[in-house]
Protein backbone atom coordinates (compact mmCIF):
# COMPACT_ATOMS: atom_id res chain seq x y z
CA UNK A 1 0.14 0.01 -0.28
CA UNK A 2 1.38 3.28 -1.05
CA UNK A 3 1.46 6.21 1.44
CA UNK A 4 0.05 9.47 0.65
CA UNK A 5 1.48 12.55 1.63
CA UNK A 6 -0.35 15.08 3.38
CA UNK A 7 0.18 17.72 0.23
CA UNK A 8 -1.02 14.57 -1.94
CA UNK A 9 -4.16 14.30 -0.32
CA UNK A 10 -4.71 18.18 -0.38
CA UNK A 11 -4.10 18.30 -3.22
CA UNK A 12 -6.88 15.54 -4.31
CA UNK A 13 -9.42 17.67 -2.55
CA UNK A 14 -8.43 20.72 -4.48
CA UNK A 15 -8.68 18.04 -7.89
CA UNK A 16 -12.31 16.96 -6.67
CA UNK A 17 -13.74 20.69 -5.37
CA UNK A 18 -12.43 22.00 -8.67
CA UNK A 19 -14.58 19.35 -10.85
CA UNK A 20 -17.67 19.92 -8.88
CA UNK A 21 -17.08 23.39 -9.64
CA UNK A 22 -16.56 23.18 -13.31
CA UNK A 23 -19.87 21.05 -13.13
CA UNK A 24 -21.79 23.67 -11.27
CA UNK A 25 -20.76 26.63 -13.51
CA UNK A 26 -22.13 24.01 -16.46
CA UNK A 27 -25.08 24.05 -14.22
CA UNK A 28 -25.50 27.65 -13.98
CA UNK A 29 -24.09 28.64 -17.85
CA UNK A 30 -27.01 26.27 -19.18
CA UNK A 31 -29.84 27.50 -16.77
CA UNK A 32 -28.99 31.47 -17.55
CA UNK A 33 -28.44 30.30 -21.31
CA UNK A 34 -24.84 31.73 -21.46
CA UNK A 35 -23.50 29.99 -23.84
CA UNK A 36 -19.71 31.02 -23.82
CA UNK A 37 -19.65 30.07 -20.29
CA UNK A 38 -20.80 27.03 -20.69
CA UNK A 39 -18.31 26.48 -23.47
CA UNK A 40 -15.49 27.09 -21.02
CA UNK A 41 -16.40 24.03 -19.50
CA UNK A 42 -15.41 21.60 -22.13
CA UNK A 43 -11.83 20.70 -23.57
CA UNK A 44 -10.97 21.69 -27.32
CA UNK A 45 -11.27 17.99 -28.59
CA UNK A 46 -14.52 17.05 -26.23
CA UNK A 47 -16.80 14.86 -27.30
CA UNK A 48 -20.98 15.05 -25.91
CA UNK A 49 -22.95 12.04 -26.20
CA UNK A 50 -26.66 14.33 -26.10
CA UNK A 51 -28.51 11.14 -26.45
CA UNK A 52 -31.29 10.67 -28.87
CA UNK A 53 -28.44 9.80 -31.34
CA UNK A 54 -26.57 13.28 -31.03
CA UNK A 55 -23.32 12.91 -31.18
CA UNK A 56 -21.08 16.18 -31.65
CA UNK A 57 -17.37 15.99 -31.51
CA UNK A 58 -15.11 19.27 -30.89
CA UNK A 59 -16.26 23.01 -28.88
CA UNK A 60 -17.02 24.10 -32.62
CA UNK A 61 -19.79 21.43 -32.69
CA UNK A 62 -21.03 21.57 -29.17
CA UNK A 63 -21.09 25.40 -29.48
CA UNK A 64 -23.57 25.20 -32.84
CA UNK A 65 -25.83 22.47 -30.83
CA UNK A 66 -25.78 25.02 -27.82
CA UNK A 67 -26.99 27.89 -29.68
CA UNK A 68 -29.76 26.25 -31.10
CA UNK A 69 -31.03 24.88 -28.20
CA UNK A 70 -30.67 27.84 -25.71
CA UNK A 71 -31.33 30.45 -27.82
CA UNK A 72 -34.48 28.88 -29.09
CA UNK A 73 -37.32 31.35 -29.09
CA UNK A 74 -39.74 30.05 -26.68
CA UNK A 75 -37.07 28.29 -24.29
CA UNK A 76 -37.82 30.28 -20.85
CA UNK A 77 -35.21 28.56 -18.81
CA UNK A 78 -33.81 24.99 -17.98
CA UNK A 79 -33.39 24.47 -14.51
CA UNK A 80 -31.05 21.45 -13.47
CA UNK A 81 -30.61 20.06 -9.98
CA UNK A 82 -27.46 17.53 -9.81
CA UNK A 83 -26.50 15.34 -6.72
CA UNK A 84 -24.82 12.11 -5.57
CA UNK A 85 -21.56 12.77 -7.54
CA UNK A 86 -18.77 9.94 -8.07
CA UNK A 87 -15.64 11.61 -9.08
CA UNK A 88 -12.79 9.59 -9.07
CA UNK A 89 -9.10 10.76 -9.92
CA UNK A 90 -7.52 8.66 -12.34
CA UNK A 91 -4.31 10.70 -11.98
CA UNK A 92 -3.16 14.43 -11.87
CA UNK A 93 -4.37 15.15 -15.51
CA UNK A 94 -7.80 13.08 -15.61
CA UNK A 95 -10.49 12.00 -13.89
CA UNK A 96 -13.97 10.40 -14.35
CA UNK A 97 -17.45 11.28 -13.07
CA UNK A 98 -20.99 10.15 -12.44
CA UNK A 99 -24.04 12.89 -11.55
CA UNK A 100 -27.53 12.11 -11.29
CA UNK A 101 -29.51 15.23 -12.59
CA UNK A 102 -33.04 16.52 -12.80
CA UNK A 103 -33.79 18.93 -15.31
CA UNK A 104 -37.16 21.41 -15.64
CA UNK A 105 -37.36 22.62 -18.87
CA UNK A 106 -40.06 25.39 -19.16
CA UNK A 107 -41.17 26.89 -22.64
CA UNK A 108 -43.72 29.29 -23.71
CA UNK A 109 -45.19 26.96 -25.90
CA UNK A 110 -46.15 24.44 -23.13
CA UNK A 111 -48.90 24.98 -20.45
CA UNK A 112 -46.88 21.96 -18.63
CA UNK A 113 -42.98 22.16 -17.93
CA UNK A 114 -40.99 18.73 -18.51
CA UNK A 115 -38.94 17.05 -15.70
CA UNK A 116 -36.23 15.07 -17.18
CA UNK A 117 -34.25 12.42 -14.97
CA UNK A 118 -30.85 11.98 -16.48
CA UNK A 119 -27.14 10.60 -15.53
CA UNK A 120 -24.39 11.92 -17.07
CA UNK A 121 -21.16 9.99 -16.98
CA UNK A 122 -18.07 12.12 -17.79
CA UNK A 123 -14.21 12.09 -18.61
CA UNK A 124 -12.41 15.17 -16.82
CA UNK A 125 -8.63 16.75 -18.20
CA UNK A 126 -6.87 19.26 -16.59
CA UNK A 127 -6.20 21.65 -19.47
CA UNK A 128 -3.14 24.57 -18.59
CA UNK A 129 -4.81 23.76 -15.17
CA UNK A 130 -7.70 24.15 -15.11
CA UNK A 131 -10.31 21.26 -15.22
CA UNK A 132 -12.42 21.21 -18.36
CA UNK A 133 -14.76 18.30 -19.77
CA UNK A 134 -13.48 15.73 -22.20
CA UNK A 135 -16.59 13.26 -22.75
CA UNK A 136 -19.63 13.65 -21.55
CA UNK A 137 -22.38 11.13 -22.48
CA UNK A 138 -26.25 11.75 -21.00
CA UNK A 139 -28.44 8.63 -20.21
CA UNK A 140 -32.08 9.56 -19.86
CA UNK A 141 -33.63 8.05 -17.13
CA UNK A 142 -37.24 9.85 -17.15
CA UNK A 143 -39.39 12.26 -18.63
CA UNK A 144 -42.64 13.90 -16.83
CA UNK A 145 -45.30 16.47 -17.21
CA UNK A 146 -45.16 19.16 -14.42
CA UNK A 147 -47.02 21.63 -13.19
CA UNK A 148 -46.01 25.22 -13.83
CA UNK A 149 -47.90 26.56 -10.93
CA UNK A 150 -45.63 24.98 -8.60
CA UNK A 151 -42.35 26.00 -9.89
CA UNK A 152 -39.65 24.25 -11.21
């Protein structure tokens, strides 16, 4: 068994916290429809398997997709809530993660919102000292209508 130094253990905790913050920045950018901030969460050569046969390779493709999704005229807001994170540091430059997420989507064209249950499987890479999403795969678990009077 390898004994890790206090400095190594602190570094691990800092990396775990930085990856959590990355995920939170992604969700807030999604909610606020800030595509540039959302894109900053990804590595240049990122791969996103969004679901429904949508596979995006590289930041340019991810940008085009989210510009269309988040700038849709009838989209009022997407409200993501993530929990049950599992992050495994592979080495000082790479990590894996899994998150359970609930997203409520509110559109002007719909009387009810849609609550989506999804889990994200992700690979992270440290780029120039900052953690970025290298791959993301969405696995949809559930879809349900929600009354908007109850709030997202």
